[in-house]
């Protein structure tokens, strides 16, 4: 299976990242044609100024999703105005676990409206952190994300108790069919893993290992024959 670089968001969310790391990310996205460079919010305005044609993605309320709606709203608008084209936004997991579906949907629709009122072409993805959810909760959440007008569902922040899980994909597809693209993130570090998720129906993969995925290195051949004595 050949993987198009456009399926990959090349990410660096390391808290220790410095400007040279972010420059490297931007150059690799441009060179290889990855979908976007995903960075922490402090780097958005820098990338926009330094690489005007680069598609920039960032994160909102990561990884907990526990900011108030007003804080999330302000962040979505500020990051979009700074130059982010795609915003991966963590949901309030407490709403989901309590079954406060109206509150969860209201949060999502507000944030969609805030972003689209600035630029209808900008992309918002909602992240429920699937490793905390039961299959029933995941199905309901996926349905609400679709209803909210979001552009994607993203399974995980990559900072939760697990990374992306293949078993979540059919649950989401059963809930929303093909009506919403799925992004996964967290722990996908090689071509084989990426192929599994794309075959399962995923549209986009967020990863810090994009270069390893498009340029897989052959595994070294390990000889099982012991060396001659003295070697």
Protein backbone atom coordinates (compact mmCIF):
# COMPACT_ATOMS: atom_id res chain seq x y z
CA UNK A 1 0.00 0.00 0.00
CA UNK A 2 1.33 3.42 -0.95
CA UNK A 3 0.56 6.16 1.54
CA UNK A 4 0.14 9.68 0.24
CA UNK A 5 1.92 12.28 2.38
CA UNK A 6 -1.29 14.31 2.25
CA UNK A 7 -2.82 11.77 4.64
CA UNK A 8 -0.32 12.76 7.31
CA UNK A 9 -0.22 15.73 9.65
CA UNK A 10 3.41 16.08 10.75
CA UNK A 11 3.33 17.13 14.39
CA UNK A 12 5.70 18.45 17.01
CA UNK A 13 3.94 19.07 20.32
CA UNK A 14 7.02 18.57 22.48
CA UNK A 15 7.13 21.15 25.29
CA UNK A 16 10.91 21.34 24.85
CA UNK A 17 10.75 22.14 21.12
CA UNK A 18 12.78 25.16 20.04
CA UNK A 19 12.74 27.26 16.89
CA UNK A 20 15.15 25.00 15.01
CA UNK A 21 12.82 22.04 15.65
CA UNK A 22 9.85 23.99 14.33
CA UNK A 23 11.80 25.15 11.29
CA UNK A 24 12.74 21.54 10.57
CA UNK A 25 9.08 20.53 10.80
CA UNK A 26 8.00 23.28 8.42
CA UNK A 27 10.67 22.43 5.86
CA UNK A 28 9.78 18.74 5.92
CA UNK A 29 6.09 19.46 5.43
CA UNK A 30 6.93 21.63 2.44
CA UNK A 31 9.46 19.20 0.99
CA UNK A 32 7.38 16.04 1.30
CA UNK A 33 3.88 17.44 0.86
CA UNK A 34 2.42 16.47 4.22
CA UNK A 35 -1.05 17.88 4.84
CA UNK A 36 -0.05 20.31 7.58
CA UNK A 37 2.53 21.23 10.19
CA UNK A 38 0.95 20.77 13.63
CA UNK A 39 2.50 22.77 16.44
CA UNK A 40 1.65 24.12 19.86
CA UNK A 41 -0.17 27.47 19.78
CA UNK A 42 2.89 29.58 20.65
CA UNK A 43 4.43 28.71 17.27
CA UNK A 44 1.48 29.54 15.01
CA UNK A 45 2.24 33.21 14.42
CA UNK A 46 5.94 32.47 13.92
CA UNK A 47 5.23 29.85 11.26
CA UNK A 48 2.74 32.10 9.51
CA UNK A 49 5.32 34.88 9.25
CA UNK A 50 8.25 32.64 8.35
CA UNK A 51 6.43 30.28 5.95
CA UNK A 52 3.42 32.15 4.54
CA UNK A 53 2.28 29.34 2.23
CA UNK A 54 2.54 26.59 4.86
CA UNK A 55 -0.66 24.98 6.12
CA UNK A 56 -0.53 25.25 9.91
CA UNK A 57 -2.48 23.24 12.44
CA UNK A 58 -2.65 23.67 16.19
CA UNK A 59 -4.37 22.34 19.28
CA UNK A 60 -7.04 23.83 21.54
CA UNK A 61 -7.52 22.95 25.22
CA UNK A 62 -5.07 20.05 25.05
CA UNK A 63 -5.00 17.51 26.40
CA UNK A 64 -7.79 17.71 28.98
CA UNK A 65 -10.49 19.74 27.23
CA UNK A 66 -11.39 21.24 30.60
CA UNK A 67 -11.17 24.93 29.77
CA UNK A 68 -14.38 26.90 30.00
CA UNK A 69 -16.30 27.48 26.81
CA UNK A 70 -15.34 31.15 26.81
CA UNK A 71 -11.65 30.27 27.03
CA UNK A 72 -11.99 27.71 24.25
CA UNK A 73 -13.88 30.18 22.11
CA UNK A 74 -11.24 32.86 22.59
CA UNK A 75 -8.50 30.35 21.77
CA UNK A 76 -10.18 29.13 18.59
CA UNK A 77 -10.56 32.68 17.33
CA UNK A 78 -7.09 33.80 18.38
CA UNK A 79 -5.30 30.83 16.83
CA UNK A 80 -7.31 31.10 13.63
CA UNK A 81 -6.51 34.79 13.32
CA UNK A 82 -2.83 34.04 14.00
CA UNK A 83 -2.75 31.76 10.97
CA UNK A 84 -3.86 28.27 11.98
CA UNK A 85 -5.86 26.57 9.25
CA UNK A 86 -6.78 23.44 11.23
CA UNK A 87 -7.69 23.38 14.92
CA UNK A 88 -7.80 20.09 16.83
CA UNK A 89 -9.98 20.80 19.85
CA UNK A 90 -10.29 18.59 22.93
CA UNK A 91 -13.83 18.07 24.16
CA UNK A 92 -15.01 18.36 27.75
CA UNK A 93 -14.88 14.71 28.75
CA UNK A 94 -16.86 15.40 31.93
CA UNK A 95 -19.92 16.26 29.85
CA UNK A 96 -19.64 12.98 27.98
CA UNK A 97 -19.11 10.81 31.06
CA UNK A 98 -22.09 12.43 32.80
CA UNK A 99 -24.32 12.08 29.77
CA UNK A 100 -24.71 15.85 29.45
CA UNK A 101 -25.22 15.57 25.74
CA UNK A 102 -26.96 18.91 25.27
CA UNK A 103 -24.07 20.71 26.98
CA UNK A 104 -21.52 18.85 24.88
CA UNK A 105 -23.34 19.64 21.64
CA UNK A 106 -23.77 23.28 22.65
CA UNK A 107 -20.03 23.60 23.23
CA UNK A 108 -19.24 22.10 19.86
CA UNK A 109 -21.75 24.12 17.86
CA UNK A 110 -20.53 27.34 19.49
CA UNK A 111 -16.92 26.61 18.55
CA UNK A 112 -17.84 25.61 15.01
CA UNK A 113 -19.77 28.85 14.63
CA UNK A 114 -16.93 30.92 16.08
CA UNK A 115 -14.43 29.47 13.62
CA UNK A 116 -16.59 29.43 10.52
CA UNK A 117 -17.69 33.03 11.10
CA UNK A 118 -14.04 34.01 10.72
CA UNK A 119 -13.27 31.79 7.75
CA UNK A 120 -15.53 29.04 6.45
CA UNK A 121 -12.53 27.25 4.93
CA UNK A 122 -10.79 26.67 8.25
CA UNK A 123 -11.07 23.18 9.72
CA UNK A 124 -12.14 22.20 13.22
CA UNK A 125 -11.76 18.69 14.60
CA UNK A 126 -13.19 17.54 17.92
CA UNK A 127 -11.26 15.10 20.08
CA UNK A 128 -13.19 12.99 22.63
CA UNK A 129 -10.17 10.94 23.84
CA UNK A 130 -11.69 7.57 23.00
CA UNK A 131 -9.64 5.57 25.49
CA UNK A 132 -11.82 6.97 28.28
CA UNK A 133 -15.11 6.09 26.57
CA UNK A 134 -17.35 3.06 26.42
CA UNK A 135 -18.46 2.00 22.94
CA UNK A 136 -21.90 3.49 23.63
CA UNK A 137 -20.39 6.82 24.72
CA UNK A 138 -18.15 6.87 21.68
CA UNK A 139 -21.04 6.25 19.30
CA UNK A 140 -23.14 8.99 20.88
CA UNK A 141 -20.24 11.43 20.87
CA UNK A 142 -19.47 10.71 17.21
CA UNK A 143 -23.11 11.37 16.33
CA UNK A 144 -22.99 14.73 18.14
CA UNK A 145 -19.74 15.73 16.46
CA UNK A 146 -21.39 15.08 13.11
CA UNK A 147 -24.45 17.13 14.13
CA UNK A 148 -22.29 20.01 15.33
CA UNK A 149 -21.02 20.78 11.84
CA UNK A 150 -17.41 19.90 12.65
CA UNK A 151 -15.12 18.92 9.83
CA UNK A 152 -13.53 15.85 11.48
CA UNK A 153 -13.65 13.60 14.48
CA UNK A 154 -10.19 12.96 15.91
CA UNK A 155 -9.97 9.98 18.20
CA UNK A 156 -7.19 10.91 20.60
CA UNK A 157 -4.90 13.72 21.66
CA UNK A 158 -1.92 11.40 21.75
CA UNK A 159 -1.50 12.40 25.40
CA UNK A 160 -4.14 10.18 27.01
CA UNK A 161 -3.86 6.73 28.59
CA UNK A 162 -3.62 5.07 25.18
CA UNK A 163 -2.95 6.19 21.67
CA UNK A 164 -5.05 5.44 18.62
CA UNK A 165 -6.89 2.11 18.69
CA UNK A 166 -8.05 0.20 15.64
CA UNK A 167 -11.12 -1.10 17.44
CA UNK A 168 -12.51 2.44 17.75
CA UNK A 169 -12.78 2.97 13.99
CA UNK A 170 -15.69 0.58 13.22
CA UNK A 171 -17.57 1.94 16.24
CA UNK A 172 -17.29 5.46 14.87
CA UNK A 173 -18.17 4.38 11.34
CA UNK A 174 -21.24 2.51 12.60
CA UNK A 175 -22.38 5.75 14.24
CA UNK A 176 -21.75 8.22 11.43
CA UNK A 177 -21.24 6.17 8.29
CA UNK A 178 -19.03 7.94 5.77
CA UNK A 179 -20.41 11.38 6.58
CA UNK A 180 -17.42 12.61 8.60
CA UNK A 181 -13.68 12.06 8.13
CA UNK A 182 -11.72 10.43 10.95
CA UNK A 183 -8.29 11.49 12.17
CA UNK A 184 -6.24 9.36 14.53
CA UNK A 185 -3.20 10.26 16.60
CA UNK A 186 -1.07 8.72 19.28
CA UNK A 187 1.55 6.03 18.83
CA UNK A 188 1.44 5.57 15.05
CA UNK A 189 5.10 5.42 14.21
CA UNK A 190 5.62 3.20 11.17
CA UNK A 191 4.23 2.32 7.76
CA UNK A 192 2.54 -0.89 8.88
CA UNK A 193 0.55 0.84 11.62
CA UNK A 194 -0.43 3.67 9.29
CA UNK A 195 -1.61 1.19 6.65
CA UNK A 196 -3.80 -0.59 9.20
CA UNK A 197 -5.62 2.59 10.17
CA UNK A 198 -6.07 3.82 6.61
CA UNK A 199 -7.42 0.42 5.57
CA UNK A 200 -9.85 0.56 8.49
CA UNK A 201 -11.33 3.80 7.14
CA UNK A 202 -9.25 6.58 8.66
CA UNK A 203 -8.73 9.70 6.55
CA UNK A 204 -5.89 11.45 8.36
CA UNK A 205 -3.09 10.47 10.72
CA UNK A 206 -1.41 12.86 13.11
CA UNK A 207 2.11 11.77 13.92
CA UNK A 208 5.56 12.92 14.89
CA UNK A 209 6.91 10.00 12.83
CA UNK A 210 5.74 11.12 9.38
CA UNK A 211 9.22 10.75 7.92
CA UNK A 212 9.49 7.18 9.19
CA UNK A 213 6.11 6.35 7.66
CA UNK A 214 6.89 7.59 4.16
CA UNK A 215 10.50 6.41 4.21
CA UNK A 216 10.42 3.11 6.10
CA UNK A 217 13.82 1.68 6.87
CA UNK A 218 14.38 -2.04 6.37
CA UNK A 219 14.88 -4.00 9.54
CA UNK A 220 18.45 -5.21 10.01
CA UNK A 221 19.03 -8.88 9.30
CA UNK A 222 19.96 -10.63 12.51
CA UNK A 223 21.95 -13.82 12.10
CA UNK A 224 20.93 -16.70 14.31
CA UNK A 225 24.23 -18.47 13.65
CA UNK A 226 26.72 -17.91 16.45
CA UNK A 227 30.03 -16.41 15.35
CA UNK A 228 33.12 -18.59 15.20
CA UNK A 229 35.15 -18.78 18.40
CA UNK A 230 37.33 -15.77 18.91
CA UNK A 231 35.09 -13.34 17.00
